[in-house]
Amino acid sequence: MQILNLGSINIDHVYAVNHFVRPGETIASNKYDVFAGGKGFNQSIALARAGAVTCHAGKIGENAEWLLQRLEQENVNVTDVEITKTPTGHAIIQVVPSGENSIVLYGGANQTVNVADITRALESTSPGDYLLLQNEISSVADAIRKGKERKLQVVFNPAPMTPDVCNYPLDDVDIFILNETEAEGLTGKTEPEDVRRFMCERFPQSATVLTLGSKGAVYFDSITMIRQSADSVEAVDSTAAGDTFIGYFLAELIQSGDPAKALSLGCSAAAICVTRAGASDSIPLRKELP
């Protein structure tokens, strides 16, 4: 069983600052780094490092082949990543001493994904395979719909959360993975119990994973609710923590079918991630976990 990640590929420009820049303010950066990133890219790295058979589909601009090489080095299949004349997506990331971050995103080539690209990428899948989607590429609604038509397990992480998400064919999603901001945007609720009630009533055939940062994560469906606490660590940079959780959670779920084990592994991997700087570079290897 494989997972096809139809997702973004970005170049991350990361600035270490004492505080997030305010309107009209110019501040000095204490450090500058360039990393491979994008939610799709990060999640593919996490999936592969967690042991999942991973294929990535998406688009990058010219002179960014090094991003494909990075994925290939992680044993990610990049056959369905197309090089286009549109610039590669990139992010401007501010990181403050507490490890929190603030991000400005330019979609670039990620926003040129179309129905033909989706159809072509799905040709390599079989019923029962997983399709992972975020909200950093174009044509997400088409991808959800076509994934369901092909009888795939559709997993949707609506990041970044936008008003358009509510108009997507969300009834075709099998697993939602939401952080607190995304959950509030989708449900209008802030408390986990209220989020669960809304999701189970609105999407009774779907499961939801709600990540709660330092408070851990929750898995629920119409029958089950499982809580997992987070490991206590000293955070340095939270940039790819959610992506790390998603990759490890799904890899374990695909392998064992046990959401409790998947939650535990995802939280442990994310805890290691936040102790390191960078995006994909901060994702742990499977051998670093129990």
Protein backbone atom coordinates (compact mmCIF):
# COMPACT_ATOMS: atom_id res chain seq x y z
CA MET A 1 0.00 0.00 0.00
CA GLN A 2 1.37 3.40 -0.95
CA ILE A 3 0.57 7.02 -0.17
CA LEU A 4 0.47 9.65 -2.89
CA ASN A 5 1.14 13.11 -1.52
CA LEU A 6 -0.15 15.72 -3.95
CA GLY A 7 1.37 18.74 -2.31
CA SER A 8 3.47 21.86 -2.23
CA ILE A 9 7.21 22.16 -2.65
CA ASN A 10 8.78 25.39 -1.41
CA ILE A 11 12.08 27.03 -0.64
CA ASP A 12 12.04 28.36 2.92
CA HIS A 13 13.91 31.55 3.80
CA VAL A 14 14.20 31.50 7.61
CA TYR A 15 15.10 34.55 9.71
CA ALA A 16 15.84 34.36 13.45
CA VAL A 17 14.43 37.50 15.08
CA ASN A 18 13.88 38.73 18.63
CA HIS A 19 10.19 39.41 17.94
CA PHE A 20 7.83 39.28 14.99
CA VAL A 21 8.09 42.40 12.86
CA ARG A 22 5.31 44.92 13.45
CA PRO A 23 3.62 47.16 10.85
CA GLY A 24 6.00 49.90 9.72
CA GLU A 25 8.91 48.35 11.62
CA THR A 26 12.31 47.26 10.29
CA ILE A 27 14.30 44.86 12.45
CA ALA A 28 17.60 43.05 12.12
CA SER A 29 17.77 39.28 11.77
CA ASN A 30 20.17 37.38 14.01
CA LYS A 31 20.53 34.53 11.52
CA TYR A 32 19.45 33.56 8.02
CA ASP A 33 19.08 30.05 6.57
CA VAL A 34 17.65 28.52 3.39
CA PHE A 35 15.82 25.21 3.68
CA ALA A 36 13.77 22.95 1.45
CA GLY A 37 10.17 23.12 2.62
CA GLY A 38 6.49 23.43 1.85
CA LYS A 39 3.89 21.43 3.74
CA GLY A 40 3.70 18.83 1.00
CA PHE A 41 7.48 18.44 0.81
CA ASN A 42 7.85 18.22 4.59
CA GLN A 43 5.08 15.65 4.90
CA SER A 44 6.62 13.48 2.18
CA ILE A 45 9.96 13.55 4.00
CA ALA A 46 8.24 12.62 7.26
CA LEU A 47 6.27 9.82 5.61
CA ALA A 48 9.38 8.36 4.01
CA ARG A 49 11.46 8.62 7.18
CA ALA A 50 8.65 6.90 9.07
CA GLY A 51 8.78 3.99 6.61
CA ALA A 52 5.80 4.64 4.29
CA VAL A 53 6.00 3.93 0.56
CA THR A 54 5.70 7.53 -0.60
CA CYS A 55 5.11 9.17 -3.98
CA HIS A 56 5.08 12.95 -4.35
CA ALA A 57 3.22 14.84 -7.08
CA GLY A 58 3.41 18.58 -7.64
CA LYS A 59 5.26 21.34 -9.49
CA ILE A 60 8.45 23.36 -9.08
CA GLY A 61 10.16 26.07 -11.10
CA GLU A 62 13.36 25.86 -13.10
CA ASN A 63 16.70 25.76 -11.26
CA ALA A 64 15.11 24.01 -8.28
CA GLU A 65 16.03 20.45 -9.18
CA TRP A 66 17.93 20.22 -5.89
CA LEU A 67 14.54 19.90 -4.21
CA LEU A 68 13.80 16.76 -6.23
CA GLN A 69 17.21 15.38 -5.36
CA ARG A 70 16.41 15.88 -1.69
CA LEU A 71 13.19 13.91 -2.04
CA GLU A 72 14.89 11.13 -3.99
CA GLN A 73 17.57 10.85 -1.31
CA GLU A 74 14.74 10.10 1.12
CA ASN A 75 13.37 7.35 -1.18
CA VAL A 76 10.39 9.45 -2.26
CA ASN A 77 9.19 8.74 -5.80
CA VAL A 78 9.16 12.07 -7.71
CA THR A 79 8.04 10.80 -11.13
CA ASP A 80 4.97 13.03 -10.97
CA VAL A 81 6.75 16.26 -10.01
CA GLU A 82 6.81 18.59 -13.02
CA ILE A 83 9.34 21.36 -13.67
CA THR A 84 7.64 24.50 -15.00
CA LYS A 85 8.57 28.06 -15.98
CA THR A 86 6.63 29.46 -13.02
CA PRO A 87 8.94 30.20 -10.07
CA THR A 88 9.10 27.69 -7.26
CA GLY A 89 6.91 28.50 -4.28
CA HIS A 90 8.70 30.01 -1.33
CA ALA A 91 8.12 31.12 2.23
CA ILE A 92 9.52 33.94 4.36
CA ILE A 93 9.64 32.60 7.92
CA GLN A 94 10.33 34.57 11.10
CA VAL A 95 11.35 32.50 14.14
CA VAL A 96 11.42 34.07 17.62
CA PRO A 97 13.43 32.74 20.62
CA SER A 98 10.45 30.78 22.00
CA GLY A 99 10.39 28.72 18.80
CA GLU A 100 7.14 30.18 17.46
CA ASN A 101 7.08 31.20 13.82
CA SER A 102 5.29 33.60 11.47
CA ILE A 103 5.14 32.79 7.75
CA VAL A 104 4.51 34.68 4.50
CA LEU A 105 3.88 32.25 1.64
CA TYR A 106 4.22 32.70 -2.14
CA GLY A 107 2.47 29.87 -3.99
CA GLY A 108 4.37 30.03 -7.29
CA ALA A 109 4.40 26.76 -9.23
CA ASN A 110 2.26 25.13 -6.54
CA GLN A 111 -0.65 27.23 -7.75
CA THR A 112 -0.44 25.90 -11.33
CA VAL A 113 -1.55 22.34 -10.50
CA ASN A 114 -4.56 21.50 -12.69
CA VAL A 115 -7.00 18.65 -13.28
CA ALA A 116 -4.80 17.06 -15.95
CA ASP A 117 -1.90 16.94 -13.47
CA ILE A 118 -4.11 15.31 -10.86
CA THR A 119 -5.48 12.73 -13.27
CA ARG A 120 -1.98 11.81 -14.41
CA ALA A 121 -0.67 11.46 -10.85
CA LEU A 122 -3.58 9.26 -9.79
CA GLU A 123 -2.91 6.77 -12.58
CA SER A 124 -0.22 5.13 -10.45
CA THR A 125 -2.59 4.48 -7.53
CA SER A 126 -4.79 1.50 -6.69
CA PRO A 127 -8.03 1.30 -4.67
CA GLY A 128 -7.21 1.38 -0.97
CA ASP A 129 -4.07 3.49 -1.39
CA TYR A 130 -3.90 6.80 0.46
CA LEU A 131 -4.07 10.29 -1.06
CA LEU A 132 -2.71 13.08 1.12
CA LEU A 133 -3.63 16.71 0.41
CA GLN A 134 -2.88 20.08 1.98
CA ASN A 135 -4.18 23.50 0.93
CA GLU A 136 -1.00 25.00 -0.53
CA ILE A 137 -1.69 23.91 -4.13
CA SER A 138 -4.42 24.73 -6.63
CA SER A 139 -7.27 22.38 -7.65
CA VAL A 140 -7.58 20.77 -4.21
CA ALA A 141 -11.34 20.28 -4.61
CA ASP A 142 -10.75 18.37 -7.86
CA ALA A 143 -8.10 16.24 -6.18
CA ILE A 144 -10.45 15.30 -3.32
CA ARG A 145 -13.20 14.39 -5.75
CA LYS A 146 -10.99 12.38 -8.09
CA GLY A 147 -9.30 10.61 -5.20
CA LYS A 148 -12.64 9.40 -3.93
CA GLU A 149 -13.69 8.34 -7.44
CA ARG A 150 -10.56 6.19 -7.58
CA LYS A 151 -11.51 4.63 -4.22
CA LEU A 152 -8.52 6.02 -2.35
CA GLN A 153 -8.38 6.88 1.34
CA VAL A 154 -8.45 10.68 1.12
CA VAL A 155 -6.60 12.51 3.89
CA PHE A 156 -6.96 16.29 4.02
CA ASN A 157 -4.92 18.77 6.05
CA PRO A 158 -6.55 22.16 5.26
CA ALA A 159 -3.44 24.21 5.84
CA PRO A 160 -3.52 27.09 5.34
CA MET A 161 -7.20 27.31 6.22
CA THR A 162 -9.11 29.57 3.82
CA PRO A 163 -12.83 30.32 3.34
CA ASP A 164 -12.80 28.27 0.12
CA VAL A 165 -12.19 25.07 2.09
CA CYS A 166 -15.81 24.98 3.23
CA ASN A 167 -16.86 24.73 -0.42
CA TYR A 168 -14.65 21.72 -1.15
CA PRO A 169 -16.33 18.27 -1.45
CA LEU A 170 -15.48 17.52 2.18
CA ASP A 171 -17.91 14.61 2.37
CA ASP A 172 -15.36 12.73 0.24
CA VAL A 173 -12.62 13.12 2.88
CA ASP A 174 -11.89 10.01 4.95
CA ILE A 175 -9.51 11.58 7.48
CA PHE A 176 -9.22 15.24 8.46
CA ILE A 177 -6.03 16.37 10.18
CA LEU A 178 -6.51 19.76 11.84
CA ASN A 179 -4.62 21.99 14.20
CA GLU A 180 -6.57 24.28 16.53
CA THR A 181 -6.65 27.19 14.07
CA GLU A 182 -7.84 25.00 11.20
CA ALA A 183 -10.42 23.31 13.41
CA GLU A 184 -11.87 26.66 14.43
CA GLY A 185 -11.95 27.83 10.81
CA LEU A 186 -13.78 24.69 9.73
CA THR A 187 -16.16 24.27 12.65
CA GLY A 188 -16.34 27.65 14.41
CA LYS A 189 -15.48 25.81 17.65
CA THR A 190 -12.44 26.07 19.92
CA GLU A 191 -12.92 23.32 22.51
CA PRO A 192 -11.94 19.78 21.43
CA GLU A 193 -15.26 18.32 22.57
CA ASP A 194 -17.16 20.93 20.57
CA VAL A 195 -14.98 20.29 17.52
CA ARG A 196 -15.65 16.58 17.85
CA ARG A 197 -19.39 17.06 18.13
CA PHE A 198 -19.47 19.25 15.03
CA MET A 199 -17.25 16.97 12.93
CA CYS A 200 -19.10 13.79 13.90
CA GLU A 201 -22.47 15.36 13.07
CA ARG A 202 -21.33 16.98 9.82
CA PHE A 203 -19.03 14.19 8.60
CA PRO A 204 -20.25 10.99 10.30
CA GLN A 205 -18.29 8.72 7.94
CA SER A 206 -14.98 10.50 8.52
CA ALA A 207 -12.30 10.40 11.20
CA THR A 208 -10.57 13.50 12.54
CA VAL A 209 -7.19 14.08 14.12
CA LEU A 210 -6.93 17.29 16.15
CA THR A 211 -3.41 18.41 17.06
CA LEU A 212 -3.12 20.56 20.18
CA GLY A 213 0.54 21.60 20.26
CA SER A 214 2.05 21.13 23.71
CA LYS A 215 -1.21 19.49 24.84
CA GLY A 216 -0.81 16.57 22.44
CA ALA A 217 -3.39 15.30 19.98
CA VAL A 218 -6.83 13.70 19.77
CA TYR A 219 -8.25 11.15 17.31
CA PHE A 220 -11.99 10.69 17.02
CA ASP A 221 -14.72 9.33 14.82
CA SER A 222 -18.39 8.68 15.47
CA ILE A 223 -17.52 5.78 17.80
CA THR A 224 -14.04 6.35 19.21
CA MET A 225 -12.11 9.13 20.94
CA ILE A 226 -8.42 8.71 21.78
CA ARG A 227 -6.23 11.27 23.56
CA GLN A 228 -2.44 11.41 23.47
CA SER A 229 -0.34 13.75 25.59
CA ALA A 230 2.71 15.50 24.17
CA ASP A 231 6.28 14.85 25.30
CA SER A 232 7.76 17.68 27.39
CA VAL A 233 10.68 19.23 25.51
CA GLU A 234 12.48 22.57 25.14
CA ALA A 235 11.18 24.01 21.87
CA VAL A 236 13.58 25.72 19.47
CA ASP A 237 11.57 25.94 16.23
CA SER A 238 8.03 24.66 15.59
CA THR A 239 8.16 25.15 11.80
CA ALA A 240 7.61 21.53 10.65
CA ALA A 241 6.14 20.01 13.80
CA GLY A 242 2.67 19.55 12.33
CA ASP A 243 4.05 18.08 9.11
CA THR A 244 6.22 15.69 11.09
CA PHE A 245 3.22 14.57 13.13
CA ILE A 246 1.16 13.97 9.98
CA GLY A 247 3.86 11.91 8.27
CA TYR A 248 4.51 9.68 11.26
CA PHE A 249 0.84 9.37 12.19
CA LEU A 250 -0.16 8.24 8.69
CA ALA A 251 2.81 5.93 8.23
CA GLU A 252 1.93 4.09 11.45
CA LEU A 253 -1.80 4.08 10.67
CA ILE A 254 -1.12 2.53 7.25
CA GLN A 255 1.17 -0.08 8.76
CA SER A 256 -0.76 -1.09 11.90
CA GLY A 257 -4.27 0.31 11.43
CA ASP A 258 -4.10 1.39 15.09
CA PRO A 259 -4.90 5.10 15.61
CA ALA A 260 -3.68 5.00 19.22
CA LYS A 261 -0.23 3.82 18.16
CA ALA A 262 -0.28 6.32 15.30
CA LEU A 263 -1.09 9.20 17.68
CA SER A 264 1.69 8.20 20.05
CA LEU A 265 4.31 7.95 17.32
CA GLY A 266 3.20 11.20 15.70
CA CYS A 267 3.45 13.12 18.98
CA SER A 268 6.86 11.67 19.79
CA ALA A 269 8.22 12.56 16.35
CA ALA A 270 6.83 16.10 16.55
CA ALA A 271 8.43 16.55 19.99
CA ILE A 272 11.85 15.75 18.53
CA CYS A 273 11.21 18.04 15.57
CA VAL A 274 10.60 21.17 17.67
CA THR A 275 13.99 20.80 19.39
CA ARG A 276 15.72 21.47 16.05
CA ALA A 277 15.90 24.40 13.65
CA GLY A 278 14.53 24.29 10.12
CA ALA A 279 11.68 22.58 8.34
CA SER A 280 12.40 19.26 6.61
CA ASP A 281 15.89 19.20 8.15
CA SER A 282 14.34 18.97 11.62
CA ILE A 283 12.25 15.85 10.92
CA PRO A 284 13.61 12.86 12.87
CA LEU A 285 14.60 9.49 11.45
CA ARG A 286 12.56 6.44 12.44
CA LYS A 287 15.48 4.98 14.37
CA GLU A 288 15.38 7.99 16.73
CA LEU A 289 11.95 6.94 17.97
CA PRO A 290 10.91 3.99 20.14
